[in-house]
Amino acid sequence: MVEHLPPGNAWARHAHGPWDDRNRLLHDIDAQLRDLKALTYNIHRREGQPALQPEPLPRPKGRDEREAEARDQEQHAAERSELLRTLARTTT
């Protein structure tokens, strides 16, 4: 039944993603504690103080995103070396 799911579905992301269940649980606990801390601070803040808005925690990059970043870096390095070779030829 799983074979007929479209690519990028929730099961595939879970099975082949960079996180295991422990990491997901720790991330959720951390996010809830940050929200609770912000809520407590905002309830007890003094008049005129800005409200605390917790920043969302970053999620790890998946394998596809890491591979795309590596390809972009390789392409950037190749383009840079080609540009430097061209500049070296034109300046001499």
C-alpha atoms as a PDB file:
ATOM      1  CA  MET A   1       0.000   0.000   0.000  1.00  0.00           C
ATOM      2  CA  VAL A   2       2.881   2.373   0.775  1.00  0.00           C
ATOM      3  CA  GLU A   3       4.378   1.860  -2.696  1.00  0.00           C
ATOM      4  CA  HIS A   4       1.479   3.705  -4.323  1.00  0.00           C
ATOM      5  CA  LEU A   5       1.822   6.876  -2.261  1.00  0.00           C
ATOM      6  CA  PRO A   6       3.070   9.944  -4.127  1.00  0.00           C
ATOM      7  CA  PRO A   7       6.704  10.987  -3.626  1.00  0.00           C
ATOM      8  CA  GLY A   8       7.321  13.373  -0.756  1.00  0.00           C
ATOM      9  CA  ASN A   9       4.421  12.028   1.311  1.00  0.00           C
ATOM     10  CA  ALA A  10       4.415  12.111   5.105  1.00  0.00           C
ATOM     11  CA  TRP A  11       5.486   8.486   5.468  1.00  0.00           C
ATOM     12  CA  ALA A  12       8.493   8.915   3.173  1.00  0.00           C
ATOM     13  CA  ARG A  13       9.553  12.104   4.942  1.00  0.00           C
ATOM     14  CA  HIS A  14       9.319  10.319   8.286  1.00  0.00           C
ATOM     15  CA  ALA A  15      11.108   7.163   7.146  1.00  0.00           C
ATOM     16  CA  HIS A  16      13.946   8.849   5.246  1.00  0.00           C
ATOM     17  CA  GLY A  17      14.214  12.139   7.126  1.00  0.00           C
ATOM     18  CA  PRO A  18      17.180  13.274   9.209  1.00  0.00           C
ATOM     19  CA  TRP A  19      15.366  12.873  12.563  1.00  0.00           C
ATOM     20  CA  ASP A  20      14.386   9.877  14.611  1.00  0.00           C
ATOM     21  CA  ASP A  21      11.543   9.732  17.148  1.00  0.00           C
ATOM     22  CA  ARG A  22      13.803  10.898  19.989  1.00  0.00           C
ATOM     23  CA  ASN A  23      14.789  14.055  18.105  1.00  0.00           C
ATOM     24  CA  ARG A  24      11.168  14.833  17.238  1.00  0.00           C
ATOM     25  CA  LEU A  25      10.086  14.385  20.856  1.00  0.00           C
ATOM     26  CA  LEU A  26      12.919  16.575  22.197  1.00  0.00           C
ATOM     27  CA  HIS A  27      12.118  19.276  19.629  1.00  0.00           C
ATOM     28  CA  ASP A  28       8.438  19.277  20.600  1.00  0.00           C
ATOM     29  CA  ILE A  29       9.255  19.423  24.326  1.00  0.00           C
ATOM     30  CA  ASP A  30      11.699  22.279  23.759  1.00  0.00           C
ATOM     31  CA  ALA A  31       9.149  24.217  21.693  1.00  0.00           C
ATOM     32  CA  GLN A  32       6.471  23.747  24.364  1.00  0.00           C
ATOM     33  CA  LEU A  33       8.827  24.892  27.136  1.00  0.00           C
ATOM     34  CA  ARG A  34       9.786  27.981  25.126  1.00  0.00           C
ATOM     35  CA  ASP A  35       6.108  28.804  24.603  1.00  0.00           C
ATOM     36  CA  LEU A  36       5.387  28.300  28.314  1.00  0.00           C
ATOM     37  CA  LYS A  37       8.312  30.541  29.259  1.00  0.00           C
ATOM     38  CA  ALA A  38       7.114  33.269  26.869  1.00  0.00           C
ATOM     39  CA  LEU A  39       3.550  32.974  28.178  1.00  0.00           C
ATOM     40  CA  THR A  40       4.720  33.273  31.799  1.00  0.00           C
ATOM     41  CA  TYR A  41       6.919  36.260  30.961  1.00  0.00           C
ATOM     42  CA  ASN A  42       4.126  38.000  29.044  1.00  0.00           C
ATOM     43  CA  ILE A  43       1.646  37.511  31.892  1.00  0.00           C
ATOM     44  CA  HIS A  44       4.017  39.040  34.448  1.00  0.00           C
ATOM     45  CA  ARG A  45       5.676  41.726  32.324  1.00  0.00           C
ATOM     46  CA  ARG A  46       5.431  45.327  33.389  1.00  0.00           C
ATOM     47  CA  GLU A  47       3.318  47.891  31.615  1.00  0.00           C
ATOM     48  CA  GLY A  48       5.098  49.231  28.555  1.00  0.00           C
ATOM     49  CA  GLN A  49       7.531  46.332  28.166  1.00  0.00           C
ATOM     50  CA  PRO A  50       7.401  44.554  24.809  1.00  0.00           C
ATOM     51  CA  ALA A  51       5.843  41.128  24.638  1.00  0.00           C
ATOM     52  CA  LEU A  52       8.228  38.205  24.263  1.00  0.00           C
ATOM     53  CA  GLN A  53       7.778  36.252  21.041  1.00  0.00           C
ATOM     54  CA  PRO A  54       9.854  33.052  20.967  1.00  0.00           C
ATOM     55  CA  GLU A  55      11.658  32.338  17.729  1.00  0.00           C
ATOM     56  CA  PRO A  56      10.725  29.033  16.119  1.00  0.00           C
ATOM     57  CA  LEU A  57      13.417  26.395  16.422  1.00  0.00           C
ATOM     58  CA  PRO A  58      15.112  25.407  13.171  1.00  0.00           C
ATOM     59  CA  ARG A  59      14.511  21.960  11.807  1.00  0.00           C
ATOM     60  CA  PRO A  60      17.394  19.919  10.381  1.00  0.00           C
ATOM     61  CA  LYS A  61      17.792  19.843   6.647  1.00  0.00           C
ATOM     62  CA  GLY A  62      16.749  16.736   4.821  1.00  0.00           C
ATOM     63  CA  ARG A  63      19.003  14.709   2.569  1.00  0.00           C
ATOM     64  CA  ASP A  64      17.621  16.388  -0.569  1.00  0.00           C
ATOM     65  CA  GLU A  65      18.252  19.888   0.797  1.00  0.00           C
ATOM     66  CA  ARG A  66      21.823  18.982   1.808  1.00  0.00           C
ATOM     67  CA  GLU A  67      22.509  17.494  -1.634  1.00  0.00           C
ATOM     68  CA  ALA A  68      21.060  20.567  -3.365  1.00  0.00           C
ATOM     69  CA  GLU A  69      23.235  22.843  -1.210  1.00  0.00           C
ATOM     70  CA  ALA A  70      26.325  20.795  -2.064  1.00  0.00           C
ATOM     71  CA  ARG A  71      25.492  20.997  -5.797  1.00  0.00           C
ATOM     72  CA  ASP A  72      24.985  24.762  -5.512  1.00  0.00           C
ATOM     73  CA  GLN A  73      28.333  25.166  -3.764  1.00  0.00           C
ATOM     74  CA  GLU A  74      30.090  23.068  -6.412  1.00  0.00           C
ATOM     75  CA  GLN A  75      28.452  25.087  -9.186  1.00  0.00           C
ATOM     76  CA  HIS A  76      29.393  28.341  -7.458  1.00  0.00           C
ATOM     77  CA  ALA A  77      33.015  27.188  -7.102  1.00  0.00           C
ATOM     78  CA  ALA A  78      33.156  26.161 -10.776  1.00  0.00           C
ATOM     79  CA  GLU A  79      31.667  29.473 -11.927  1.00  0.00           C
ATOM     80  CA  ARG A  80      34.084  31.396  -9.703  1.00  0.00           C
ATOM     81  CA  SER A  81      37.136  29.559 -11.024  1.00  0.00           C
ATOM     82  CA  GLU A  82      35.952  30.081 -14.614  1.00  0.00           C
ATOM     83  CA  LEU A  83      35.451  33.793 -13.957  1.00  0.00           C
ATOM     84  CA  LEU A  84      38.902  34.098 -12.390  1.00  0.00           C
ATOM     85  CA  ARG A  85      40.490  32.309 -15.388  1.00  0.00           C
ATOM     86  CA  THR A  86      38.673  34.668 -17.752  1.00  0.00           C
ATOM     87  CA  LEU A  87      39.774  37.706 -15.773  1.00  0.00           C
ATOM     88  CA  ALA A  88      43.363  36.452 -15.687  1.00  0.00           C
ATOM     89  CA  ARG A  89      43.372  36.069 -19.502  1.00  0.00           C
ATOM     90  CA  THR A  90      41.913  39.520 -20.112  1.00  0.00           C
ATOM     91  CA  THR A  91      44.242  41.352 -17.732  1.00  0.00           C
ATOM     92  CA  THR A  92      47.471  39.890 -19.159  1.00  0.00           C
END
